[in-house]
Amino acid sequence: MRVLIRKSTAFCNLSLYSNYLLVNPRNKGCTQLAFGMKKMSHDSVRNFLVREDYTPQDLFEHVCLLIVLAGGTLSIDASVWDKPYSDAKLNPFIARQYSGKHHGVVKGICLVTLFYTDINGVRLPVNYRVYEPTSGLQKMNFFLKCLEKYWIGFSSCTYNR
């Protein structure tokens, strides 16, 4: 993650964007966030996302302070973003994949997300990966790799039990 040398003057920041994602279960685009803000354009949100270099480890370090990491449940979700008009030859993440939304195979990008539900019922994402079909891994092996990365992050997280 990028370390700031001086105070940022950008309208969009991590706190604002994270809160937006937590309270808005649908319509998570730049335009929708900007629509709710008076002084912000959708380009401000887009520029923030392009400028920052967040990793799944950054997500986990932020979330592990908000949940109880003992006695909870870990679940996996695979979502397919439809990309019917994109050229799969130009993007290694686009492939024909099964979509539960369409109950069939569509051309799209698969995002794998690990969610953790703690004993108090708080449910937050703790890890994510974009599935790359050209990697040679089947989705189940890819899920297992995400779990492995999660446990590495889990062991490095400082929290109160």
N, C-alpha and C. Protein backbone atom coordinates (compact mmCIF):
# COMPACT_ATOMS: atom_id res chain seq x y z
N MET A 1 0.85 -1.17 0.00
CA MET A 1 0.00 0.00 0.00
C MET A 1 0.89 1.24 0.00
N ARG A 2 0.46 2.25 -0.69
CA ARG A 2 1.21 3.49 -0.81
C ARG A 2 1.23 4.22 0.53
N VAL A 3 2.39 4.75 0.90
CA VAL A 3 2.53 5.52 2.13
C VAL A 3 2.52 7.01 1.76
N LEU A 4 1.64 7.77 2.41
CA LEU A 4 1.53 9.19 2.12
C LEU A 4 2.66 9.97 2.78
N ILE A 5 3.28 10.86 2.03
CA ILE A 5 4.34 11.72 2.56
C ILE A 5 3.72 13.00 3.12
N ARG A 6 2.71 13.51 2.45
CA ARG A 6 1.99 14.68 2.93
C ARG A 6 0.50 14.40 2.88
N LYS A 7 -0.28 15.21 3.53
CA LYS A 7 -1.71 15.01 3.59
C LYS A 7 -2.33 15.08 2.20
N SER A 8 -3.21 14.12 1.92
CA SER A 8 -3.85 14.05 0.61
C SER A 8 -4.94 15.11 0.49
N THR A 9 -5.08 15.66 -0.71
CA THR A 9 -6.14 16.63 -0.98
C THR A 9 -7.26 15.99 -1.81
N ALA A 10 -7.19 14.69 -2.02
CA ALA A 10 -8.19 14.00 -2.82
C ALA A 10 -9.52 13.95 -2.07
N PHE A 11 -10.61 14.01 -2.81
CA PHE A 11 -11.93 13.94 -2.20
C PHE A 11 -12.26 12.54 -1.71
N CYS A 12 -11.79 11.52 -2.41
CA CYS A 12 -12.07 10.14 -2.02
C CYS A 12 -10.87 9.57 -1.27
N ASN A 13 -11.15 8.86 -0.19
CA ASN A 13 -10.08 8.23 0.58
C ASN A 13 -10.52 6.83 1.02
N LEU A 14 -9.63 6.11 1.67
CA LEU A 14 -9.92 4.74 2.06
C LEU A 14 -11.11 4.64 3.00
N SER A 15 -11.18 5.52 3.97
CA SER A 15 -12.27 5.46 4.94
C SER A 15 -13.63 5.68 4.26
N LEU A 16 -13.72 6.68 3.41
CA LEU A 16 -14.97 6.97 2.71
C LEU A 16 -15.36 5.81 1.80
N TYR A 17 -14.41 5.30 1.03
CA TYR A 17 -14.73 4.23 0.09
C TYR A 17 -15.08 2.94 0.83
N SER A 18 -14.37 2.61 1.91
CA SER A 18 -14.67 1.40 2.69
C SER A 18 -16.07 1.49 3.30
N ASN A 19 -16.40 2.63 3.87
CA ASN A 19 -17.73 2.80 4.46
C ASN A 19 -18.82 2.68 3.40
N TYR A 20 -18.57 3.23 2.23
CA TYR A 20 -19.52 3.12 1.13
C TYR A 20 -19.76 1.66 0.76
N LEU A 21 -18.69 0.87 0.66
CA LEU A 21 -18.83 -0.54 0.30
C LEU A 21 -19.57 -1.33 1.38
N LEU A 22 -19.38 -0.95 2.64
CA LEU A 22 -20.03 -1.67 3.73
C LEU A 22 -21.53 -1.38 3.81
N VAL A 23 -21.95 -0.16 3.51
CA VAL A 23 -23.36 0.20 3.65
C VAL A 23 -24.16 0.02 2.37
N ASN A 24 -23.51 -0.13 1.24
CA ASN A 24 -24.22 -0.24 -0.02
C ASN A 24 -24.01 -1.63 -0.61
N PRO A 25 -24.96 -2.55 -0.41
CA PRO A 25 -24.76 -3.92 -0.89
C PRO A 25 -24.82 -4.05 -2.41
N ARG A 26 -25.41 -3.07 -3.09
CA ARG A 26 -25.52 -3.11 -4.55
C ARG A 26 -24.99 -1.80 -5.11
N ASN A 27 -24.84 -1.75 -6.41
CA ASN A 27 -24.42 -0.52 -7.11
C ASN A 27 -23.13 0.04 -6.53
N LYS A 28 -22.07 -0.76 -6.56
CA LYS A 28 -20.81 -0.35 -5.95
C LYS A 28 -19.88 0.36 -6.92
N GLY A 29 -20.41 1.03 -7.89
CA GLY A 29 -19.58 1.71 -8.87
C GLY A 29 -19.17 3.10 -8.46
N CYS A 30 -18.21 3.64 -9.18
CA CYS A 30 -17.71 4.98 -8.91
C CYS A 30 -18.80 6.03 -9.07
N THR A 31 -19.64 5.85 -10.08
CA THR A 31 -20.69 6.83 -10.35
C THR A 31 -21.69 6.89 -9.21
N GLN A 32 -22.05 5.73 -8.65
CA GLN A 32 -23.04 5.70 -7.58
C GLN A 32 -22.53 6.38 -6.31
N LEU A 33 -21.26 6.19 -5.97
CA LEU A 33 -20.68 6.87 -4.81
C LEU A 33 -20.64 8.37 -5.04
N ALA A 34 -20.20 8.77 -6.21
CA ALA A 34 -20.11 10.20 -6.51
C ALA A 34 -21.48 10.85 -6.52
N PHE A 35 -22.50 10.11 -6.94
CA PHE A 35 -23.87 10.65 -6.98
C PHE A 35 -24.33 11.07 -5.59
N GLY A 36 -23.92 10.32 -4.57
CA GLY A 36 -24.33 10.64 -3.20
C GLY A 36 -23.50 11.74 -2.54
N MET A 37 -22.42 12.14 -3.15
CA MET A 37 -21.55 13.18 -2.59
C MET A 37 -21.73 14.48 -3.38
N LYS A 38 -21.65 15.61 -2.71
CA LYS A 38 -21.89 16.88 -3.40
C LYS A 38 -20.67 17.40 -4.14
N LYS A 39 -19.48 17.23 -3.57
CA LYS A 39 -18.28 17.83 -4.16
C LYS A 39 -17.41 16.82 -4.90
N MET A 40 -17.95 15.66 -5.22
CA MET A 40 -17.10 14.62 -5.78
C MET A 40 -17.63 14.17 -7.14
N SER A 41 -16.71 14.01 -8.07
CA SER A 41 -17.07 13.44 -9.37
C SER A 41 -16.71 11.96 -9.37
N HIS A 42 -17.28 11.22 -10.32
CA HIS A 42 -16.96 9.79 -10.38
C HIS A 42 -15.49 9.60 -10.75
N ASP A 43 -14.88 10.58 -11.42
CA ASP A 43 -13.46 10.49 -11.74
C ASP A 43 -12.59 10.54 -10.48
N SER A 44 -13.04 11.25 -9.45
CA SER A 44 -12.30 11.29 -8.18
C SER A 44 -12.22 9.91 -7.57
N VAL A 45 -13.33 9.19 -7.61
CA VAL A 45 -13.36 7.83 -7.05
C VAL A 45 -12.49 6.91 -7.89
N ARG A 46 -12.63 7.00 -9.20
CA ARG A 46 -11.82 6.17 -10.11
C ARG A 46 -10.34 6.44 -9.92
N ASN A 47 -9.96 7.72 -9.83
CA ASN A 47 -8.55 8.07 -9.64
C ASN A 47 -8.01 7.53 -8.32
N PHE A 48 -8.84 7.55 -7.28
CA PHE A 48 -8.43 6.99 -6.00
C PHE A 48 -8.13 5.49 -6.14
N LEU A 49 -9.02 4.78 -6.82
CA LEU A 49 -8.84 3.33 -6.98
C LEU A 49 -7.62 3.00 -7.84
N VAL A 50 -7.35 3.83 -8.84
CA VAL A 50 -6.19 3.60 -9.70
C VAL A 50 -4.89 3.96 -8.97
N ARG A 51 -4.92 5.04 -8.19
CA ARG A 51 -3.73 5.55 -7.52
C ARG A 51 -3.25 4.63 -6.40
N GLU A 52 -4.17 4.09 -5.63
CA GLU A 52 -3.80 3.25 -4.50
C GLU A 52 -3.49 1.84 -4.98
N ASP A 53 -2.68 1.14 -4.22
CA ASP A 53 -2.26 -0.20 -4.59
C ASP A 53 -2.59 -1.14 -3.44
N TYR A 54 -3.88 -1.39 -3.22
CA TYR A 54 -4.32 -2.23 -2.11
C TYR A 54 -4.22 -3.70 -2.49
N THR A 55 -3.89 -4.50 -1.51
CA THR A 55 -3.75 -5.94 -1.70
C THR A 55 -4.76 -6.65 -0.78
N PRO A 56 -4.98 -7.95 -0.99
CA PRO A 56 -5.83 -8.70 -0.06
C PRO A 56 -5.32 -8.64 1.39
N GLN A 57 -4.01 -8.56 1.57
CA GLN A 57 -3.45 -8.45 2.93
C GLN A 57 -3.88 -7.14 3.59
N ASP A 58 -3.94 -6.05 2.82
CA ASP A 58 -4.41 -4.77 3.36
C ASP A 58 -5.85 -4.87 3.83
N LEU A 59 -6.68 -5.57 3.05
CA LEU A 59 -8.07 -5.78 3.44
C LEU A 59 -8.14 -6.54 4.75
N PHE A 60 -7.38 -7.62 4.85
CA PHE A 60 -7.43 -8.44 6.05
C PHE A 60 -6.97 -7.67 7.28
N GLU A 61 -5.90 -6.91 7.16
CA GLU A 61 -5.40 -6.14 8.29
C GLU A 61 -6.41 -5.10 8.76
N HIS A 62 -7.19 -4.56 7.84
CA HIS A 62 -8.22 -3.58 8.19
C HIS A 62 -9.41 -4.27 8.85
N VAL A 63 -9.82 -5.41 8.31
CA VAL A 63 -11.01 -6.10 8.79
C VAL A 63 -10.76 -6.84 10.11
N CYS A 64 -9.56 -7.36 10.33
CA CYS A 64 -9.33 -8.17 11.53
C CYS A 64 -9.48 -7.37 12.81
N LEU A 65 -9.45 -6.06 12.71
CA LEU A 65 -9.68 -5.22 13.90
C LEU A 65 -11.16 -5.04 14.19
N LEU A 66 -12.03 -5.41 13.24
CA LEU A 66 -13.47 -5.19 13.38
C LEU A 66 -14.25 -6.44 13.75
N ILE A 67 -13.59 -7.61 13.73
CA ILE A 67 -14.29 -8.86 14.00
C ILE A 67 -13.55 -9.68 15.06
N VAL A 68 -14.26 -10.63 15.65
CA VAL A 68 -13.68 -11.56 16.61
C VAL A 68 -13.22 -12.78 15.82
N LEU A 69 -11.93 -13.02 15.80
CA LEU A 69 -11.36 -14.10 14.99
C LEU A 69 -11.23 -15.41 15.75
N ALA A 70 -12.26 -15.77 16.48
CA ALA A 70 -12.26 -17.05 17.19
C ALA A 70 -13.70 -17.56 17.21
N GLY A 71 -13.88 -18.79 16.75
CA GLY A 71 -15.20 -19.41 16.81
C GLY A 71 -16.15 -19.02 15.71
N GLY A 72 -15.68 -18.36 14.67
CA GLY A 72 -16.55 -17.93 13.59
C GLY A 72 -16.61 -18.93 12.45
N THR A 73 -17.21 -18.50 11.37
CA THR A 73 -17.39 -19.35 10.18
C THR A 73 -16.79 -18.66 8.97
N LEU A 74 -16.05 -19.40 8.17
CA LEU A 74 -15.45 -18.90 6.95
C LEU A 74 -16.21 -19.47 5.76
N SER A 75 -16.62 -18.61 4.84
CA SER A 75 -17.34 -19.08 3.65
C SER A 75 -16.71 -18.48 2.40
N ILE A 76 -16.93 -19.17 1.28
CA ILE A 76 -16.35 -18.76 0.01
C ILE A 76 -17.48 -18.39 -0.95
N ASP A 77 -17.28 -17.30 -1.70
CA ASP A 77 -18.23 -16.90 -2.72
C ASP A 77 -17.47 -16.66 -4.02
N ALA A 78 -17.98 -17.20 -5.10
CA ALA A 78 -17.40 -16.95 -6.42
C ALA A 78 -18.45 -16.20 -7.24
N SER A 79 -18.13 -14.98 -7.62
CA SER A 79 -19.04 -14.15 -8.41
C SER A 79 -18.45 -13.96 -9.80
N VAL A 80 -19.30 -13.99 -10.79
CA VAL A 80 -18.86 -13.78 -12.16
C VAL A 80 -19.40 -12.44 -12.65
N TRP A 81 -18.49 -11.56 -13.04
CA TRP A 81 -18.88 -10.29 -13.64
C TRP A 81 -19.02 -10.52 -15.14
N ASP A 82 -20.19 -10.30 -15.66
CA ASP A 82 -20.43 -10.52 -17.09
C ASP A 82 -19.60 -9.56 -17.93
N LYS A 83 -18.94 -10.11 -18.92
CA LYS A 83 -18.16 -9.33 -19.89
C LYS A 83 -18.47 -9.85 -21.29
N PRO A 84 -19.74 -9.76 -21.74
CA PRO A 84 -20.11 -10.38 -23.01
C PRO A 84 -19.46 -9.76 -24.24
N TYR A 85 -19.04 -8.52 -24.15
CA TYR A 85 -18.50 -7.84 -25.32
C TYR A 85 -16.99 -7.66 -25.26
N SER A 86 -16.34 -8.17 -24.22
CA SER A 86 -14.90 -8.03 -24.08
C SER A 86 -14.18 -9.15 -24.82
N ASP A 87 -12.97 -8.84 -25.25
CA ASP A 87 -12.15 -9.81 -25.98
C ASP A 87 -11.28 -10.58 -24.99
N ALA A 88 -11.53 -11.88 -24.88
CA ALA A 88 -10.79 -12.72 -23.95
C ALA A 88 -9.31 -12.83 -24.32
N LYS A 89 -8.97 -12.57 -25.57
CA LYS A 89 -7.57 -12.64 -25.99
C LYS A 89 -6.76 -11.47 -25.42
N LEU A 90 -7.44 -10.38 -25.08
CA LEU A 90 -6.75 -9.20 -24.55
C LEU A 90 -6.70 -9.18 -23.03
N ASN A 91 -7.47 -10.02 -22.37
CA ASN A 91 -7.53 -10.03 -20.92
C ASN A 91 -7.52 -11.48 -20.43
N PRO A 92 -6.46 -11.90 -19.71
CA PRO A 92 -6.37 -13.30 -19.27
C PRO A 92 -7.40 -13.69 -18.22
N PHE A 93 -8.10 -12.73 -17.63
CA PHE A 93 -9.08 -13.03 -16.60
C PHE A 93 -10.46 -13.36 -17.18
N ILE A 94 -10.68 -13.04 -18.44
CA ILE A 94 -11.98 -13.29 -19.07
C ILE A 94 -12.00 -14.69 -19.65
N ALA A 95 -13.04 -15.44 -19.29
CA ALA A 95 -13.20 -16.79 -19.81
C ALA A 95 -14.67 -17.17 -19.71
N ARG A 96 -15.01 -18.28 -20.31
CA ARG A 96 -16.37 -18.79 -20.21
C ARG A 96 -16.47 -19.53 -18.88
N GLN A 97 -17.39 -19.07 -18.00
CA GLN A 97 -17.51 -19.62 -16.66
C GLN A 97 -18.98 -19.74 -16.29
N TYR A 98 -19.26 -20.65 -15.38
CA TYR A 98 -20.64 -20.83 -14.92
C TYR A 98 -21.06 -19.65 -14.05
N SER A 99 -22.24 -19.12 -14.29
CA SER A 99 -22.79 -18.03 -13.51
C SER A 99 -24.09 -18.49 -12.85
N GLY A 100 -24.15 -18.40 -11.54
CA GLY A 100 -25.37 -18.74 -10.82
C GLY A 100 -26.50 -17.77 -11.14
N LYS A 101 -26.16 -16.54 -11.43
CA LYS A 101 -27.17 -15.53 -11.78
C LYS A 101 -27.91 -15.91 -13.05
N HIS A 102 -27.16 -16.40 -14.05
CA HIS A 102 -27.74 -16.75 -15.33
C HIS A 102 -28.07 -18.25 -15.44
N HIS A 103 -27.66 -19.03 -14.45
CA HIS A 103 -27.86 -20.48 -14.45
C HIS A 103 -27.30 -21.10 -15.74
N GLY A 104 -26.12 -20.62 -16.12
CA GLY A 104 -25.48 -21.13 -17.32
C GLY A 104 -24.09 -20.56 -17.46
N VAL A 105 -23.44 -20.92 -18.55
CA VAL A 105 -22.08 -20.47 -18.81
C VAL A 105 -22.12 -19.13 -19.54
N VAL A 106 -21.35 -18.16 -19.03
CA VAL A 106 -21.25 -16.85 -19.64
C VAL A 106 -19.77 -16.47 -19.75
N LYS A 107 -19.51 -15.47 -20.56
CA LYS A 107 -18.15 -14.94 -20.66
C LYS A 107 -18.01 -13.85 -19.60
N GLY A 108 -16.99 -13.99 -18.74
CA GLY A 108 -16.84 -13.02 -17.67
C GLY A 108 -15.59 -13.22 -16.84
N ILE A 109 -15.50 -12.43 -15.76
CA ILE A 109 -14.37 -12.46 -14.83
C ILE A 109 -14.89 -13.00 -13.50
N CYS A 110 -14.17 -13.96 -12.92
CA CYS A 110 -14.59 -14.58 -11.67
C CYS A 110 -13.81 -13.98 -10.49
N LEU A 111 -14.54 -13.44 -9.53
CA LEU A 111 -13.95 -12.92 -8.30
C LEU A 111 -14.28 -13.87 -7.17
N VAL A 112 -13.26 -14.39 -6.51
CA VAL A 112 -13.42 -15.30 -5.38
C VAL A 112 -13.21 -14.49 -4.11
N THR A 113 -14.20 -14.53 -3.21
CA THR A 113 -14.14 -13.76 -1.97
C THR A 113 -14.33 -14.70 -0.78
N LEU A 114 -13.49 -14.55 0.24
CA LEU A 114 -13.66 -15.27 1.50
C LEU A 114 -14.35 -14.34 2.49
N PHE A 115 -15.45 -14.80 3.05
CA PHE A 115 -16.18 -14.02 4.06
C PHE A 115 -16.03 -14.71 5.41
N TYR A 116 -15.88 -13.91 6.46
CA TYR A 116 -15.80 -14.46 7.81
C TYR A 116 -16.97 -13.91 8.61
N THR A 117 -17.72 -14.81 9.25
CA THR A 117 -18.81 -14.42 10.13
C THR A 117 -18.37 -14.75 11.54
N ASP A 118 -18.26 -13.72 12.39
CA ASP A 118 -17.79 -13.98 13.75
C ASP A 118 -18.95 -14.42 14.64
N ILE A 119 -18.66 -14.69 15.91
CA ILE A 119 -19.66 -15.23 16.83
C ILE A 119 -20.75 -14.21 17.15
N ASN A 120 -20.51 -12.93 16.85
CA ASN A 120 -21.51 -11.90 17.08
C ASN A 120 -22.37 -11.63 15.84
N GLY A 121 -22.11 -12.37 14.76
CA GLY A 121 -22.90 -12.21 13.54
C GLY A 121 -22.36 -11.18 12.57
N VAL A 122 -21.20 -10.59 12.87
CA VAL A 122 -20.59 -9.62 11.96
C VAL A 122 -19.97 -10.39 10.80
N ARG A 123 -20.34 -10.03 9.57
CA ARG A 123 -19.87 -10.75 8.37
C ARG A 123 -19.15 -9.77 7.46
N LEU A 124 -17.85 -10.02 7.26
CA LEU A 124 -17.04 -9.15 6.42
C LEU A 124 -16.12 -9.96 5.52
N PRO A 125 -15.74 -9.40 4.36
CA PRO A 125 -14.77 -10.09 3.52
C PRO A 125 -13.39 -10.04 4.17
N VAL A 126 -12.65 -11.14 4.10
CA VAL A 126 -11.31 -11.19 4.68
C VAL A 126 -10.23 -11.45 3.63
N ASN A 127 -10.62 -11.88 2.45
CA ASN A 127 -9.65 -12.15 1.39
C ASN A 127 -10.38 -12.16 0.06
N TYR A 128 -9.68 -11.86 -1.00
CA TYR A 128 -10.26 -11.91 -2.34
C TYR A 128 -9.16 -12.20 -3.35
N ARG A 129 -9.54 -12.78 -4.44
CA ARG A 129 -8.64 -13.04 -5.55
C ARG A 129 -9.47 -13.04 -6.83
N VAL A 130 -8.85 -12.63 -7.92
CA VAL A 130 -9.48 -12.75 -9.23
C VAL A 130 -8.96 -14.04 -9.84
N TYR A 131 -9.89 -14.92 -10.22
CA TYR A 131 -9.53 -16.21 -10.78
C TYR A 131 -8.99 -16.02 -12.19
N GLU A 132 -7.80 -16.57 -12.43
CA GLU A 132 -7.19 -16.49 -13.75
C GLU A 132 -7.27 -17.88 -14.40
N PRO A 133 -8.18 -18.05 -15.36
CA PRO A 133 -8.37 -19.37 -15.96
C PRO A 133 -7.12 -19.93 -16.64
N THR A 134 -6.24 -19.06 -17.12
CA THR A 134 -5.04 -19.53 -17.80
C THR A 134 -3.95 -19.99 -16.83
N SER A 135 -4.21 -19.92 -15.52
CA SER A 135 -3.20 -20.32 -14.52
C SER A 135 -3.01 -21.83 -14.46
N GLY A 136 -3.97 -22.57 -14.99
CA GLY A 136 -3.87 -24.03 -14.94
C GLY A 136 -4.52 -24.63 -13.71
N LEU A 137 -4.94 -23.80 -12.76
CA LEU A 137 -5.61 -24.29 -11.56
C LEU A 137 -7.10 -24.42 -11.80
N GLN A 138 -7.69 -25.51 -11.32
CA GLN A 138 -9.14 -25.61 -11.32
C GLN A 138 -9.66 -24.73 -10.19
N LYS A 139 -10.94 -24.37 -10.24
CA LYS A 139 -11.48 -23.45 -9.23
C LYS A 139 -11.33 -23.97 -7.81
N MET A 140 -11.52 -25.27 -7.59
CA MET A 140 -11.39 -25.81 -6.24
C MET A 140 -9.96 -25.64 -5.72
N ASN A 141 -8.97 -25.89 -6.55
CA ASN A 141 -7.58 -25.67 -6.13
C ASN A 141 -7.31 -24.20 -5.90
N PHE A 142 -7.95 -23.35 -6.69
CA PHE A 142 -7.81 -21.90 -6.50
C PHE A 142 -8.41 -21.49 -5.15
N PHE A 143 -9.58 -22.06 -4.79
CA PHE A 143 -10.19 -21.79 -3.49
C PHE A 143 -9.23 -22.18 -2.36
N LEU A 144 -8.62 -23.35 -2.50
CA LEU A 144 -7.69 -23.82 -1.47
C LEU A 144 -6.49 -22.89 -1.34
N LYS A 145 -6.03 -22.34 -2.45
CA LYS A 145 -4.93 -21.38 -2.42
C LYS A 145 -5.35 -20.10 -1.69
N CYS A 146 -6.59 -19.66 -1.92
CA CYS A 146 -7.11 -18.49 -1.20
C CYS A 146 -7.16 -18.76 0.30
N LEU A 147 -7.58 -19.96 0.69
CA LEU A 147 -7.62 -20.32 2.11
C LEU A 147 -6.21 -20.29 2.71
N GLU A 148 -5.25 -20.80 1.96
CA GLU A 148 -3.86 -20.80 2.42
C GLU A 148 -3.38 -19.37 2.66
N LYS A 149 -3.67 -18.47 1.73
CA LYS A 149 -3.28 -17.06 1.88
C LYS A 149 -3.99 -16.43 3.07
N TYR A 150 -5.26 -16.82 3.29
CA TYR A 150 -6.02 -16.30 4.43
C TYR A 150 -5.35 -16.68 5.74
N TRP A 151 -4.95 -17.97 5.86
CA TRP A 151 -4.35 -18.41 7.12
C TRP A 151 -3.01 -17.75 7.37
N ILE A 152 -2.27 -17.45 6.32
CA ILE A 152 -1.02 -16.72 6.49
C ILE A 152 -1.32 -15.33 7.06
N GLY A 153 -2.33 -14.66 6.51
CA GLY A 153 -2.74 -13.36 7.02
C GLY A 153 -3.28 -13.46 8.43
N PHE A 154 -4.03 -14.53 8.71
CA PHE A 154 -4.62 -14.73 10.03
C PHE A 154 -3.55 -14.83 11.10
N SER A 155 -2.47 -15.56 10.80
CA SER A 155 -1.42 -15.74 11.79
C SER A 155 -0.60 -14.47 12.01
N SER A 156 -0.61 -13.54 11.03
CA SER A 156 0.16 -12.32 11.19
C SER A 156 -0.67 -11.17 11.76
N CYS A 157 -1.97 -11.37 11.91
CA CYS A 157 -2.85 -10.31 12.38
C CYS A 157 -2.74 -10.16 13.90
N THR A 158 -2.65 -8.94 14.36
CA THR A 158 -2.63 -8.69 15.80
C THR A 158 -4.03 -8.30 16.23
N TYR A 159 -4.58 -9.04 17.17
CA TYR A 159 -5.92 -8.78 17.64
C TYR A 159 -6.03 -9.25 19.08
N ASN A 160 -7.12 -8.82 19.73
CA ASN A 160 -7.37 -9.23 21.11
C ASN A 160 -8.33 -10.39 21.10
N ARG A 161 -7.99 -11.48 21.77
CA ARG A 161 -8.90 -12.63 21.87
C ARG A 161 -9.76 -12.48 23.09
